[in-house]
Amino acid sequence: MKINPNQIEFYIPAEIVSKDYGHPRHLRGLEVVNNQILNHKKWLFDEPKIKYCVRHFAEGVAWTDLPIEKQPSERYLQLDNIFLEAKKCGFLKDMPGNNILIHLVNGVPYFAGGGYHRLAIALILGLKEIPVDVSLICTTKGGECEK
């Protein structure tokens, strides 16, 4: 499935979903009714990984000057390569089972915590569509999704 990354405004923390349903990456479109899930949404650009990707890719701040996770330096070189390839080609590669992970809540996409860096890259580059994997398909009793 592909969606416009600009439709994703909020993140639902993985630990919230994990408590009731298991790891979001393993749910693969599990359909649920959950009236409380939107109480836990967070604005996407408040997430530290999104923030530091913006600082690196959009503002040119070196990885070493950012509060990044402790990973081998090859990981950040890989992210730079993903950015350069997406910039050159105009898209992110489709990697079924490891795409950017979303929940659909009342038909609206919410980031589900898998693929932070790639989502940030897509947003920074202004990509019009990205490959996603769907975790939860959730409806709430109230019908319309409040933002």
C-alpha atoms as a PDB file:
ATOM      1  CA  MET A   1       0.000   0.000   0.000  1.00  0.00           C
ATOM      2  CA  LYS A   2       1.199   3.541  -0.703  1.00  0.00           C
ATOM      3  CA  ILE A   3       0.080   6.784   0.909  1.00  0.00           C
ATOM      4  CA  ASN A   4       1.045  10.449   0.885  1.00  0.00           C
ATOM      5  CA  PRO A   5       3.356  10.948   3.898  1.00  0.00           C
ATOM      6  CA  ASN A   6       1.883  14.404   4.465  1.00  0.00           C
ATOM      7  CA  GLN A   7      -1.326  12.694   5.598  1.00  0.00           C
ATOM      8  CA  ILE A   8       0.542  11.430   8.672  1.00  0.00           C
ATOM      9  CA  GLU A   9       0.374  14.070  11.395  1.00  0.00           C
ATOM     10  CA  PHE A  10       0.367  11.975  14.552  1.00  0.00           C
ATOM     11  CA  TYR A  11       2.113   9.028  16.132  1.00  0.00           C
ATOM     12  CA  ILE A  12       0.528   6.407  18.384  1.00  0.00           C
ATOM     13  CA  PRO A  13       3.287   5.060  20.681  1.00  0.00           C
ATOM     14  CA  ALA A  14       4.167   1.425  20.100  1.00  0.00           C
ATOM     15  CA  GLU A  15       4.077   0.649  23.827  1.00  0.00           C
ATOM     16  CA  ILE A  16       0.378   1.642  23.953  1.00  0.00           C
ATOM     17  CA  VAL A  17      -0.503  -0.746  21.135  1.00  0.00           C
ATOM     18  CA  SER A  18       1.795  -3.495  22.439  1.00  0.00           C
ATOM     19  CA  LYS A  19      -0.038  -3.645  25.776  1.00  0.00           C
ATOM     20  CA  ASP A  20      -3.305  -4.742  24.181  1.00  0.00           C
ATOM     21  CA  TYR A  21      -2.383  -6.291  20.842  1.00  0.00           C
ATOM     22  CA  GLY A  22       1.314  -7.186  20.662  1.00  0.00           C
ATOM     23  CA  HIS A  23       4.168  -5.611  18.743  1.00  0.00           C
ATOM     24  CA  PRO A  24       2.828  -3.268  16.032  1.00  0.00           C
ATOM     25  CA  ARG A  25       5.097  -4.770  13.356  1.00  0.00           C
ATOM     26  CA  HIS A  26       3.410  -8.170  13.817  1.00  0.00           C
ATOM     27  CA  LEU A  27      -0.247  -7.077  13.666  1.00  0.00           C
ATOM     28  CA  ARG A  28      -0.494  -6.911   9.840  1.00  0.00           C
ATOM     29  CA  GLY A  29      -3.834  -5.153   9.502  1.00  0.00           C
ATOM     30  CA  LEU A  30      -5.503  -6.443  12.660  1.00  0.00           C
ATOM     31  CA  GLU A  31      -9.008  -4.944  12.790  1.00  0.00           C
ATOM     32  CA  VAL A  32     -10.068  -3.638  16.210  1.00  0.00           C
ATOM     33  CA  VAL A  33     -12.515  -1.262  17.854  1.00  0.00           C
ATOM     34  CA  ASN A  34     -10.727   0.917  20.395  1.00  0.00           C
ATOM     35  CA  ASN A  35     -12.342   4.049  21.804  1.00  0.00           C
ATOM     36  CA  GLN A  36      -9.220   5.099  23.724  1.00  0.00           C
ATOM     37  CA  ILE A  37      -6.448   4.833  21.146  1.00  0.00           C
ATOM     38  CA  LEU A  38      -6.612   8.484  20.055  1.00  0.00           C
ATOM     39  CA  ASN A  39      -6.112   9.601  23.657  1.00  0.00           C
ATOM     40  CA  HIS A  40      -2.472   8.546  23.220  1.00  0.00           C
ATOM     41  CA  LYS A  41      -1.645  10.243  19.929  1.00  0.00           C
ATOM     42  CA  LYS A  42       1.382  12.529  19.782  1.00  0.00           C
ATOM     43  CA  TRP A  43       2.291  15.104  17.184  1.00  0.00           C
ATOM     44  CA  LEU A  44       4.761  13.470  14.789  1.00  0.00           C
ATOM     45  CA  PHE A  45       7.258  16.338  14.820  1.00  0.00           C
ATOM     46  CA  ASP A  46       7.615  16.075  18.615  1.00  0.00           C
ATOM     47  CA  GLU A  47       9.330  12.704  18.178  1.00  0.00           C
ATOM     48  CA  PRO A  48      13.111  12.926  18.801  1.00  0.00           C
ATOM     49  CA  LYS A  49      14.089  10.761  15.800  1.00  0.00           C
ATOM     50  CA  ILE A  50      12.028  12.925  13.463  1.00  0.00           C
ATOM     51  CA  LYS A  51      13.513  16.087  15.000  1.00  0.00           C
ATOM     52  CA  TYR A  52      17.115  15.003  14.613  1.00  0.00           C
ATOM     53  CA  CYS A  53      16.533  13.777  11.058  1.00  0.00           C
ATOM     54  CA  VAL A  54      15.185  17.214  10.167  1.00  0.00           C
ATOM     55  CA  ARG A  55      18.246  18.801  11.761  1.00  0.00           C
ATOM     56  CA  HIS A  56      20.589  16.478   9.853  1.00  0.00           C
ATOM     57  CA  PHE A  57      18.971  16.252   6.421  1.00  0.00           C
ATOM     58  CA  ALA A  58      17.323  19.680   6.162  1.00  0.00           C
ATOM     59  CA  GLU A  59      19.703  21.805   8.212  1.00  0.00           C
ATOM     60  CA  GLY A  60      22.982  19.979   7.566  1.00  0.00           C
ATOM     61  CA  VAL A  61      23.888  19.245  11.200  1.00  0.00           C
ATOM     62  CA  ALA A  62      26.387  16.374  11.462  1.00  0.00           C
ATOM     63  CA  TRP A  63      25.169  13.126  13.038  1.00  0.00           C
ATOM     64  CA  THR A  64      27.922  13.454  15.649  1.00  0.00           C
ATOM     65  CA  ASP A  65      26.419  16.758  16.803  1.00  0.00           C
ATOM     66  CA  LEU A  66      22.933  15.310  17.331  1.00  0.00           C
ATOM     67  CA  PRO A  67      21.351  13.363  20.210  1.00  0.00           C
ATOM     68  CA  ILE A  68      21.115  10.133  18.226  1.00  0.00           C
ATOM     69  CA  GLU A  69      20.846   6.546  19.443  1.00  0.00           C
ATOM     70  CA  LYS A  70      24.069   4.662  19.963  1.00  0.00           C
ATOM     71  CA  GLN A  71      24.389   2.710  16.736  1.00  0.00           C
ATOM     72  CA  PRO A  72      27.383   1.737  14.631  1.00  0.00           C
ATOM     73  CA  SER A  73      28.409   4.615  12.369  1.00  0.00           C
ATOM     74  CA  GLU A  74      27.473   2.416   9.388  1.00  0.00           C
ATOM     75  CA  ARG A  75      23.814   2.819  10.380  1.00  0.00           C
ATOM     76  CA  TYR A  76      23.967   6.574   9.866  1.00  0.00           C
ATOM     77  CA  LEU A  77      25.936   6.169   6.646  1.00  0.00           C
ATOM     78  CA  GLN A  78      23.117   3.867   5.485  1.00  0.00           C
ATOM     79  CA  LEU A  79      20.540   6.573   6.317  1.00  0.00           C
ATOM     80  CA  ASP A  80      22.558   9.125   4.347  1.00  0.00           C
ATOM     81  CA  ASN A  81      22.556   6.724   1.394  1.00  0.00           C
ATOM     82  CA  ILE A  82      18.787   6.176   1.677  1.00  0.00           C
ATOM     83  CA  PHE A  83      18.320   9.956   1.667  1.00  0.00           C
ATOM     84  CA  LEU A  84      20.556  10.454  -1.382  1.00  0.00           C
ATOM     85  CA  GLU A  85      18.890   7.621  -3.304  1.00  0.00           C
ATOM     86  CA  ALA A  86      15.380   8.894  -2.511  1.00  0.00           C
ATOM     87  CA  LYS A  87      16.409  12.419  -3.478  1.00  0.00           C
ATOM     88  CA  LYS A  88      17.817  11.187  -6.791  1.00  0.00           C
ATOM     89  CA  CYS A  89      14.989   8.759  -7.633  1.00  0.00           C
ATOM     90  CA  GLY A  90      12.053  10.596  -6.049  1.00  0.00           C
ATOM     91  CA  PHE A  91      10.803   7.598  -4.060  1.00  0.00           C
ATOM     92  CA  LEU A  92      11.592   5.172  -1.246  1.00  0.00           C
ATOM     93  CA  LYS A  93      12.041   1.511  -2.088  1.00  0.00           C
ATOM     94  CA  ASP A  94       9.174  -0.840  -1.309  1.00  0.00           C
ATOM     95  CA  MET A  95      10.300  -3.341   1.336  1.00  0.00           C
ATOM     96  CA  PRO A  96       7.208  -5.438   2.196  1.00  0.00           C
ATOM     97  CA  GLY A  97       7.227  -6.384   5.866  1.00  0.00           C
ATOM     98  CA  ASN A  98       9.687  -3.587   6.648  1.00  0.00           C
ATOM     99  CA  ASN A  99       8.071  -0.486   5.149  1.00  0.00           C
ATOM    100  CA  ILE A 100       7.081   2.566   7.162  1.00  0.00           C
ATOM    101  CA  LEU A 101       4.524   1.287   9.648  1.00  0.00           C
ATOM    102  CA  ILE A 102       1.141   2.940  10.090  1.00  0.00           C
ATOM    103  CA  HIS A 103      -2.160   2.389  11.845  1.00  0.00           C
ATOM    104  CA  LEU A 104      -5.369   3.343  10.094  1.00  0.00           C
ATOM    105  CA  VAL A 105      -7.755   4.901  12.615  1.00  0.00           C
ATOM    106  CA  ASN A 106     -11.129   5.646  11.072  1.00  0.00           C
ATOM    107  CA  GLY A 107      -9.316   5.607   7.713  1.00  0.00           C
ATOM    108  CA  VAL A 108      -6.707   8.202   8.769  1.00  0.00           C
ATOM    109  CA  PRO A 109      -3.033   7.119   8.825  1.00  0.00           C
ATOM    110  CA  TYR A 110      -1.127   7.406  12.105  1.00  0.00           C
ATOM    111  CA  PHE A 111       2.564   6.594  12.386  1.00  0.00           C
ATOM    112  CA  ALA A 112       3.018   3.308  14.259  1.00  0.00           C
ATOM    113  CA  GLY A 113       6.704   3.566  15.178  1.00  0.00           C
ATOM    114  CA  GLY A 114       8.458   1.635  12.424  1.00  0.00           C
ATOM    115  CA  GLY A 115      10.551   3.563   9.913  1.00  0.00           C
ATOM    116  CA  TYR A 116      11.075   6.894  11.697  1.00  0.00           C
ATOM    117  CA  HIS A 117      14.100   7.819   9.636  1.00  0.00           C
ATOM    118  CA  ARG A 118      12.537   6.882   6.297  1.00  0.00           C
ATOM    119  CA  LEU A 119       9.354   8.770   7.164  1.00  0.00           C
ATOM    120  CA  ALA A 120      11.410  11.831   8.066  1.00  0.00           C
ATOM    121  CA  ILE A 121      13.330  11.519   4.788  1.00  0.00           C
ATOM    122  CA  ALA A 122      10.077  11.303   2.813  1.00  0.00           C
ATOM    123  CA  LEU A 123       8.688  14.380   4.548  1.00  0.00           C
ATOM    124  CA  ILE A 124      11.898  16.385   4.142  1.00  0.00           C
ATOM    125  CA  LEU A 125      12.101  15.524   0.443  1.00  0.00           C
ATOM    126  CA  GLY A 126       8.413  16.246  -0.101  1.00  0.00           C
ATOM    127  CA  LEU A 127       7.728  12.798  -1.550  1.00  0.00           C
ATOM    128  CA  LYS A 128       4.109  12.388  -2.657  1.00  0.00           C
ATOM    129  CA  GLU A 129       3.793   8.716  -1.755  1.00  0.00           C
ATOM    130  CA  ILE A 130       5.571   6.140   0.354  1.00  0.00           C
ATOM    131  CA  PRO A 131       5.222   2.388   0.748  1.00  0.00           C
ATOM    132  CA  VAL A 132       3.643   1.490   4.089  1.00  0.00           C
ATOM    133  CA  ASP A 133       2.738  -1.599   6.050  1.00  0.00           C
ATOM    134  CA  VAL A 134      -0.499  -1.432   8.036  1.00  0.00           C
ATOM    135  CA  SER A 135      -0.418  -2.462  11.684  1.00  0.00           C
ATOM    136  CA  LEU A 136      -3.874  -1.818  13.196  1.00  0.00           C
ATOM    137  CA  ILE A 137      -7.036  -0.976  11.340  1.00  0.00           C
ATOM    138  CA  CYS A 138      -8.960   0.708  14.098  1.00  0.00           C
ATOM    139  CA  THR A 139     -12.394   2.202  14.377  1.00  0.00           C
ATOM    140  CA  THR A 140     -13.585   4.236  17.298  1.00  0.00           C
ATOM    141  CA  LYS A 141     -17.140   4.329  18.552  1.00  0.00           C
ATOM    142  CA  GLY A 142     -17.481   8.035  17.825  1.00  0.00           C
ATOM    143  CA  GLY A 143     -16.977   7.576  14.092  1.00  0.00           C
ATOM    144  CA  GLU A 144     -15.026  10.597  12.895  1.00  0.00           C
ATOM    145  CA  CYS A 145     -11.401  10.854  13.927  1.00  0.00           C
ATOM    146  CA  GLU A 146     -10.626  14.022  15.863  1.00  0.00           C
ATOM    147  CA  LYS A 147      -7.327  15.728  15.146  1.00  0.00           C
END
